[in-house]
């Protein structure tokens, strides 16, 4: 008998199963003892899995504000300062709208409404915002911080693509002519190297080889955000400018171009390389009475001049510091000799066909 009574103590159950003894005491009634035995047999027949040690759970959601800050930290570490600043401006707008929400609370409709609101400025503005916002959520997905990207399925707005306006050689000359001497040197250096502005801003004398006549330019516009160098040969004009600046340089300053400025953060005057000089071009173009253009079109102008004079595409690509040939092709605004030759062949063939169709049959 597996359930029995012991005087003065009470009821207990006691049974052996697979050579293992199971017993429990003291129950007030026989019924309680039988119920406990039945429960124990059920537990043996259907054992529960042992609880596993608690492991770190994979997050499935997080505050949108925290995700944006993590993404900004990543952009600051891996991309250029200009790109980081542009990203920061957009992030402020996102946080103003959704800073108090979890990522899972931001719906596709909310993201779509934001993009459509930005399209009131331009389709380009809206598409840029969508591209960066999508990157934020993809950043979270790749790191298992969130599970949903609310921008998924939102399409880019159609844009009216236009041929970019490239200043003529004459207009560039006029702008340089009205600039102050130091700014003239700055503009000529950009023009003769076809460099990005931030590449010239970070140019130091260690990057200039007068003996071999080249400058080393560094860019972060590469996969992975690595600061990548490339060598660009100096023109005679650039060699003359940099040689003069080198002889007149302040030996305590490593930069080719630098300035003294007031730091709002540190509340004192600082000396260092330029970060941005956007306002210069607006005033210079106005004084020169030419259509406004910024620094970047100087790269487009140089690339087009080389293309018009049959410089190989690969050489142009390396000088501009592009990773992909397709990017270089965007900079070529000239009509190539191949295209002109194609139109000439078409014209000759059409005229020949027209002549033949109007020649009377003498047979």
Protein backbone atom coordinates (compact mmCIF):
# COMPACT_ATOMS: atom_id res chain seq x y z
CA UNK A 1 0.00 0.00 0.00
CA UNK A 2 1.50 3.32 -1.10
CA UNK A 3 -0.70 5.47 1.20
CA UNK A 4 -0.85 4.71 4.90
CA UNK A 5 -1.53 6.22 8.34
CA UNK A 6 0.84 6.53 11.30
CA UNK A 7 -0.83 7.19 14.61
CA UNK A 8 -0.03 10.54 16.13
CA UNK A 9 1.53 11.84 12.90
CA UNK A 10 -0.88 11.50 9.97
CA UNK A 11 -1.02 10.16 6.40
CA UNK A 12 1.85 9.80 3.98
CA UNK A 13 2.51 8.37 0.55
CA UNK A 14 5.50 6.17 -0.24
CA UNK A 15 6.23 4.47 -3.56
CA UNK A 16 9.20 3.34 -5.64
CA UNK A 17 9.44 3.96 -9.38
CA UNK A 18 12.38 2.90 -11.55
CA UNK A 19 14.41 2.13 -8.44
CA UNK A 20 13.84 5.59 -7.03
CA UNK A 21 11.82 6.07 -3.84
CA UNK A 22 9.31 8.91 -3.62
CA UNK A 23 7.66 9.82 -0.32
CA UNK A 24 6.03 12.75 1.43
CA UNK A 25 4.34 13.20 4.86
CA UNK A 26 2.28 14.22 6.93
CA UNK A 27 -1.16 14.84 5.49
CA UNK A 28 -4.23 15.37 7.64
CA UNK A 29 -6.45 13.08 5.54
CA UNK A 30 -6.03 10.08 3.30
CA UNK A 31 -7.57 11.99 0.41
CA UNK A 32 -4.88 14.70 0.62
CA UNK A 33 -2.16 12.03 0.64
CA UNK A 34 -3.63 10.30 -2.44
CA UNK A 35 -3.94 13.61 -4.32
CA UNK A 36 -0.31 14.48 -3.52
CA UNK A 37 0.83 11.01 -4.68
CA UNK A 38 -1.09 11.36 -7.95
CA UNK A 39 0.41 14.78 -8.54
CA UNK A 40 3.92 13.44 -7.92
CA UNK A 41 3.40 10.54 -10.33
CA UNK A 42 2.18 13.02 -12.96
CA UNK A 43 5.30 15.14 -12.47
CA UNK A 44 7.50 12.06 -12.92
CA UNK A 45 5.64 10.99 -16.04
CA UNK A 46 5.74 14.47 -17.56
CA UNK A 47 8.86 16.16 -16.28
CA UNK A 48 9.20 19.92 -16.78
CA UNK A 49 12.29 21.25 -18.50
CA UNK A 50 14.82 22.58 -16.06
CA UNK A 51 15.00 26.37 -16.20
CA UNK A 52 18.04 27.44 -18.20
CA UNK A 53 20.45 30.01 -16.81
CA UNK A 54 19.21 33.47 -17.69
CA UNK A 55 21.05 34.82 -20.70
CA UNK A 56 21.17 38.31 -22.09
CA UNK A 57 17.98 38.95 -23.99
CA UNK A 58 18.17 40.42 -27.48
CA UNK A 59 16.55 43.86 -27.41
CA UNK A 60 13.55 44.18 -29.69
CA UNK A 61 12.90 47.88 -29.15
CA UNK A 62 14.55 51.03 -27.90
CA UNK A 63 13.94 54.75 -27.54
CA UNK A 64 14.11 56.52 -30.90
CA UNK A 65 16.24 59.27 -29.36
CA UNK A 66 18.86 56.72 -28.28
CA UNK A 67 18.91 55.07 -31.71
CA UNK A 68 19.44 58.42 -33.45
CA UNK A 69 22.29 59.30 -31.08
CA UNK A 70 23.98 55.97 -31.71
CA UNK A 71 23.69 56.50 -35.45
CA UNK A 72 25.11 60.02 -35.16
CA UNK A 73 28.08 58.69 -33.17
CA UNK A 74 28.68 56.17 -35.95
CA UNK A 75 28.46 58.81 -38.70
CA UNK A 76 30.84 61.09 -36.79
CA UNK A 77 33.40 58.28 -36.53
CA UNK A 78 33.13 56.93 -40.06
CA UNK A 79 32.09 59.82 -42.32
CA UNK A 80 33.14 63.37 -43.12
CA UNK A 81 32.39 66.32 -40.86
CA UNK A 82 30.15 67.88 -43.55
CA UNK A 83 28.07 64.71 -43.75
CA UNK A 84 27.82 64.56 -39.96
CA UNK A 85 26.61 68.17 -39.79
CA UNK A 86 24.01 67.53 -42.49
CA UNK A 87 22.83 64.43 -40.64
CA UNK A 88 22.59 66.38 -37.38
CA UNK A 89 20.25 68.97 -38.93
CA UNK A 90 17.86 66.24 -40.06
CA UNK A 91 18.13 64.42 -36.73
CA UNK A 92 16.94 67.53 -34.88
CA UNK A 93 13.73 67.51 -36.90
CA UNK A 94 13.15 63.79 -36.28
CA UNK A 95 13.73 64.14 -32.54
CA UNK A 96 11.41 67.15 -32.33
CA UNK A 97 8.65 64.93 -33.72
CA UNK A 98 9.41 61.51 -32.28
CA UNK A 99 12.01 62.03 -29.54
CA UNK A 100 9.65 60.83 -26.78
CA UNK A 101 8.63 57.63 -28.63
CA UNK A 102 9.96 54.10 -28.83
CA UNK A 103 11.03 53.00 -32.30
CA UNK A 104 8.11 50.54 -32.45
CA UNK A 105 5.67 53.42 -31.94
CA UNK A 106 6.78 55.16 -35.13
CA UNK A 107 4.54 53.87 -37.91
CA UNK A 108 4.96 53.86 -41.67
CA UNK A 109 2.18 56.46 -41.96
CA UNK A 110 4.06 58.77 -39.60
CA UNK A 111 7.26 58.41 -41.62
CA UNK A 112 5.37 58.90 -44.89
CA UNK A 113 3.70 62.07 -43.61
CA UNK A 114 7.10 63.46 -42.58
CA UNK A 115 8.60 62.80 -46.02
CA UNK A 116 5.63 64.36 -47.80
CA UNK A 117 5.93 67.43 -45.57
CA UNK A 118 9.61 67.74 -46.52
CA UNK A 119 8.67 67.51 -50.21
CA UNK A 120 7.13 70.99 -49.89
CA UNK A 121 10.73 72.23 -50.04
CA UNK A 122 11.77 69.93 -52.87
CA UNK A 123 11.74 66.29 -53.92
CA UNK A 124 15.52 66.23 -53.49
CA UNK A 125 15.17 67.38 -49.88
CA UNK A 126 12.50 64.77 -49.15
CA UNK A 127 14.51 61.96 -50.75
CA UNK A 128 17.63 62.88 -48.82
CA UNK A 129 15.65 62.87 -45.58
CA UNK A 130 14.12 59.48 -46.42
CA UNK A 131 17.52 58.01 -47.31
CA UNK A 132 19.04 59.10 -43.99
CA UNK A 133 16.01 58.15 -41.88
CA UNK A 134 15.97 54.70 -43.48
CA UNK A 135 19.67 54.36 -42.67
CA UNK A 136 18.93 55.07 -38.99
CA UNK A 137 16.41 52.25 -38.74
CA UNK A 138 18.56 49.87 -40.80
CA UNK A 139 21.40 50.66 -38.40
CA UNK A 140 19.16 49.45 -35.54
CA UNK A 141 18.05 46.34 -37.44
CA UNK A 142 21.61 45.30 -38.27
CA UNK A 143 22.51 45.44 -34.58
CA UNK A 144 19.36 43.64 -33.35
CA UNK A 145 18.25 46.73 -31.45
CA UNK A 146 14.86 46.92 -33.17
CA UNK A 147 12.76 44.60 -35.32
CA UNK A 148 10.93 46.92 -37.72
CA UNK A 149 11.90 49.69 -40.14
CA UNK A 150 8.87 51.96 -40.61
CA UNK A 151 10.39 53.48 -43.76
CA UNK A 152 10.30 50.12 -45.54
CA UNK A 153 8.02 50.35 -48.56
CA UNK A 154 8.12 54.16 -48.77
CA UNK A 155 9.21 55.10 -52.28
CA UNK A 156 11.46 57.97 -53.25
CA UNK A 157 9.71 60.91 -54.85
CA UNK A 158 10.19 61.47 -58.58
CA UNK A 159 12.58 64.30 -59.35
CA UNK A 160 13.15 66.47 -62.37
CA UNK A 161 16.74 65.78 -63.32
CA UNK A 162 18.56 68.67 -64.94
CA UNK A 163 21.98 69.14 -66.43
CA UNK A 164 24.09 70.76 -63.74
CA UNK A 165 25.21 74.28 -64.43
CA UNK A 166 28.99 74.43 -64.64
CA UNK A 167 30.65 77.85 -64.59
CA UNK A 168 32.66 78.78 -67.64
CA UNK A 169 36.41 79.26 -67.49
CA UNK A 170 35.83 82.99 -67.96
CA UNK A 171 33.41 83.21 -65.01
CA UNK A 172 35.82 81.34 -62.75
CA UNK A 173 38.60 83.72 -63.76
CA UNK A 174 36.39 86.71 -62.94
CA UNK A 175 35.58 85.38 -59.47
CA UNK A 176 39.22 84.69 -58.65
CA UNK A 177 40.23 88.12 -59.93
CA UNK A 178 37.98 90.00 -57.44
CA UNK A 179 39.06 87.87 -54.44
CA UNK A 180 41.61 88.86 -51.80
CA UNK A 181 45.15 87.43 -52.35
CA UNK A 182 44.79 84.65 -49.74
CA UNK A 183 41.40 83.63 -51.14
CA UNK A 184 42.85 83.67 -54.66
CA UNK A 185 45.43 81.13 -53.56
CA UNK A 186 42.69 79.05 -51.97
CA UNK A 187 40.51 79.05 -55.10
CA UNK A 188 43.43 78.32 -57.42
CA UNK A 189 44.42 75.36 -55.25
CA UNK A 190 40.92 73.90 -55.47
CA UNK A 191 40.78 74.61 -59.20
CA UNK A 192 44.18 73.15 -60.06
CA UNK A 193 43.73 69.98 -57.98
CA UNK A 194 39.96 69.56 -58.58
CA UNK A 195 39.82 68.64 -54.90
CA UNK A 196 36.91 68.62 -52.48
CA UNK A 197 36.89 71.64 -50.16
CA UNK A 198 37.48 69.58 -47.02
CA UNK A 199 40.51 67.98 -48.70
CA UNK A 200 42.09 71.41 -49.20
CA UNK A 201 41.08 72.53 -45.70
CA UNK A 202 43.00 69.65 -44.14
CA UNK A 203 46.01 70.00 -46.49
CA UNK A 204 49.28 70.34 -44.57
CA UNK A 205 52.81 71.10 -45.72
CA UNK A 206 53.72 67.46 -45.07
CA UNK A 207 51.26 66.60 -47.86
CA UNK A 208 53.11 68.75 -50.40
CA UNK A 209 56.08 67.36 -52.32
CA UNK A 210 57.91 70.15 -54.12
CA UNK A 211 60.63 67.77 -55.26
CA UNK A 212 58.23 65.39 -57.05
CA UNK A 213 55.60 68.08 -57.72
CA UNK A 214 52.48 66.50 -56.26
CA UNK A 215 50.10 66.97 -53.33
CA UNK A 216 48.51 64.26 -51.22
CA UNK A 217 44.79 64.69 -50.67
CA UNK A 218 42.80 62.74 -48.09
CA UNK A 219 39.12 61.85 -48.32
CA UNK A 220 36.62 59.85 -46.26
CA UNK A 221 34.38 59.32 -49.29
CA UNK A 222 35.36 55.67 -49.42
CA UNK A 223 33.67 52.47 -48.32
CA UNK A 224 34.03 52.10 -44.55
CA UNK A 225 34.78 55.79 -44.04
CA UNK A 226 38.55 55.26 -44.07
CA UNK A 227 40.66 58.40 -44.52
CA UNK A 228 42.19 57.49 -47.88
CA UNK A 229 45.08 59.34 -49.57
CA UNK A 230 45.69 59.94 -53.26
CA UNK A 231 48.44 61.80 -55.10
CA UNK A 232 47.54 64.61 -57.49
CA UNK A 233 50.29 66.11 -59.70
CA UNK A 234 50.84 69.86 -59.39
CA UNK A 235 50.34 72.19 -62.32
CA UNK A 236 52.99 74.85 -62.79
CA UNK A 237 50.49 77.43 -61.53
CA UNK A 238 49.88 75.48 -58.31
CA UNK A 239 53.61 74.82 -57.85
CA UNK A 240 54.25 78.57 -58.03
CA UNK A 241 51.46 79.41 -55.54
CA UNK A 242 52.44 76.77 -52.96
CA UNK A 243 56.15 77.58 -53.27
CA UNK A 244 55.45 81.22 -52.45
CA UNK A 245 53.15 80.33 -49.55
CA UNK A 246 55.74 77.90 -48.20
CA UNK A 247 58.47 80.55 -48.16
CA UNK A 248 56.11 82.97 -46.37
CA UNK A 249 54.55 80.41 -44.01
CA UNK A 250 54.30 80.55 -40.22
CA UNK A 251 56.48 77.58 -39.26
CA UNK A 252 54.37 76.98 -36.16
CA UNK A 253 51.32 76.21 -38.35
CA UNK A 254 51.24 72.85 -40.21
CA UNK A 255 48.34 73.80 -42.51
CA UNK A 256 48.60 75.30 -45.98
CA UNK A 257 45.42 77.33 -45.29
CA UNK A 258 44.41 78.34 -41.78
CA UNK A 259 42.69 81.13 -39.88
CA UNK A 260 42.18 82.61 -36.44
CA UNK A 261 38.61 82.38 -35.16
CA UNK A 262 36.48 82.78 -32.06
CA UNK A 263 35.41 79.49 -30.49
CA UNK A 264 31.91 79.71 -29.04
CA UNK A 265 32.44 76.48 -27.14
CA UNK A 266 35.72 77.44 -25.49
CA UNK A 267 35.03 81.20 -25.35
CA UNK A 268 38.42 82.13 -26.74
CA UNK A 269 40.28 82.74 -30.00
CA UNK A 270 41.64 79.63 -31.70
CA UNK A 271 43.85 78.94 -34.70
CA UNK A 272 43.26 76.07 -37.07
CA UNK A 273 42.28 74.93 -40.57
CA UNK A 274 39.11 76.16 -42.22
CA UNK A 275 35.97 74.08 -41.71
CA UNK A 276 33.61 75.87 -44.08
CA UNK A 277 33.86 78.93 -46.31
CA UNK A 278 30.44 78.89 -48.02
CA UNK A 279 29.76 82.61 -47.65
CA UNK A 280 32.84 83.60 -49.63
CA UNK A 281 31.53 82.39 -52.99
CA UNK A 282 28.22 84.20 -52.70
CA UNK A 283 29.87 87.59 -52.20
CA UNK A 284 32.57 86.94 -54.80
CA UNK A 285 30.08 85.91 -57.50
CA UNK A 286 28.05 89.03 -56.77
CA UNK A 287 31.11 91.27 -57.03
CA UNK A 288 32.24 89.53 -60.24
CA UNK A 289 28.69 89.81 -61.66
CA UNK A 290 28.48 86.16 -62.60
CA UNK A 291 25.85 83.51 -61.84
CA UNK A 292 26.34 82.16 -58.31
CA UNK A 293 28.26 78.91 -57.96
CA UNK A 294 30.02 77.25 -55.06
CA UNK A 295 33.34 75.44 -54.73
CA UNK A 296 32.21 72.03 -55.98
CA UNK A 297 31.54 73.14 -59.58
CA UNK A 298 35.29 73.78 -59.89
CA UNK A 299 35.69 69.98 -59.82
CA UNK A 300 33.04 69.60 -62.50
CA UNK A 301 34.69 72.25 -64.65
CA UNK A 302 38.11 70.63 -64.43
CA UNK A 303 36.77 67.15 -65.19
CA UNK A 304 34.88 68.42 -68.25
CA UNK A 305 37.96 70.23 -69.59
CA UNK A 306 40.03 67.03 -69.29
CA UNK A 307 37.28 64.98 -70.96
CA UNK A 308 37.01 67.44 -73.87
CA UNK A 309 40.73 66.99 -74.45
CA UNK A 310 40.60 63.18 -74.54
CA UNK A 311 42.06 62.49 -71.09
CA UNK A 312 41.32 58.80 -70.29
CA UNK A 313 38.40 58.21 -67.96
CA UNK A 314 40.56 56.23 -65.54
CA UNK A 315 42.94 59.16 -65.07
CA UNK A 316 40.07 61.59 -64.42
CA UNK A 317 38.57 59.15 -61.94
CA UNK A 318 41.84 58.86 -59.98
CA UNK A 319 42.39 62.63 -59.90
CA UNK A 320 38.86 63.25 -58.60
CA UNK A 321 39.24 60.45 -56.06
CA UNK A 322 36.17 58.48 -57.13
CA UNK A 323 35.75 54.83 -56.31
CA UNK A 324 33.30 54.17 -59.16
CA UNK A 325 33.50 55.11 -62.82
CA UNK A 326 29.77 55.92 -62.82
CA UNK A 327 30.39 58.72 -60.29
CA UNK A 328 33.06 60.25 -62.53
CA UNK A 329 30.71 60.21 -65.51
CA UNK A 330 28.32 62.50 -63.58
CA UNK A 331 31.10 65.13 -63.57
CA UNK A 332 31.59 65.10 -67.35
CA UNK A 333 29.32 67.78 -68.78
CA UNK A 334 31.06 68.02 -72.13
CA UNK A 335 29.94 66.27 -75.29
CA UNK A 336 32.59 63.68 -76.02
CA UNK A 337 34.31 63.19 -79.38
CA UNK A 338 32.63 59.79 -79.66
CA UNK A 339 29.19 61.40 -79.42
CA UNK A 340 30.13 64.08 -81.95
CA UNK A 341 31.50 61.41 -84.31
CA UNK A 342 28.29 59.40 -83.90
CA UNK A 343 26.12 62.40 -84.82
CA UNK A 344 28.40 63.14 -87.83
CA UNK A 345 27.99 59.56 -89.09
CA UNK A 346 24.23 59.82 -88.61
CA UNK A 347 24.09 63.09 -90.54
CA UNK A 348 26.17 61.74 -93.44
CA UNK A 349 24.12 58.55 -93.63
CA UNK A 350 20.83 60.47 -93.55
CA UNK A 351 21.94 62.86 -96.29
CA UNK A 352 23.10 59.94 -98.44
CA UNK A 353 19.81 58.15 -97.94
CA UNK A 354 17.90 61.32 -98.81
CA UNK A 355 19.94 61.83 -102.01
CA UNK A 356 19.43 58.23 -103.15
CA UNK A 357 15.68 58.41 -102.57
CA UNK A 358 15.41 61.46 -104.85
CA UNK A 359 17.67 60.20 -107.67
CA UNK A 360 15.52 59.37 -110.75
CA UNK A 361 15.68 55.80 -112.08
CA UNK A 362 17.32 55.98 -115.54
CA UNK A 363 16.75 52.35 -116.44
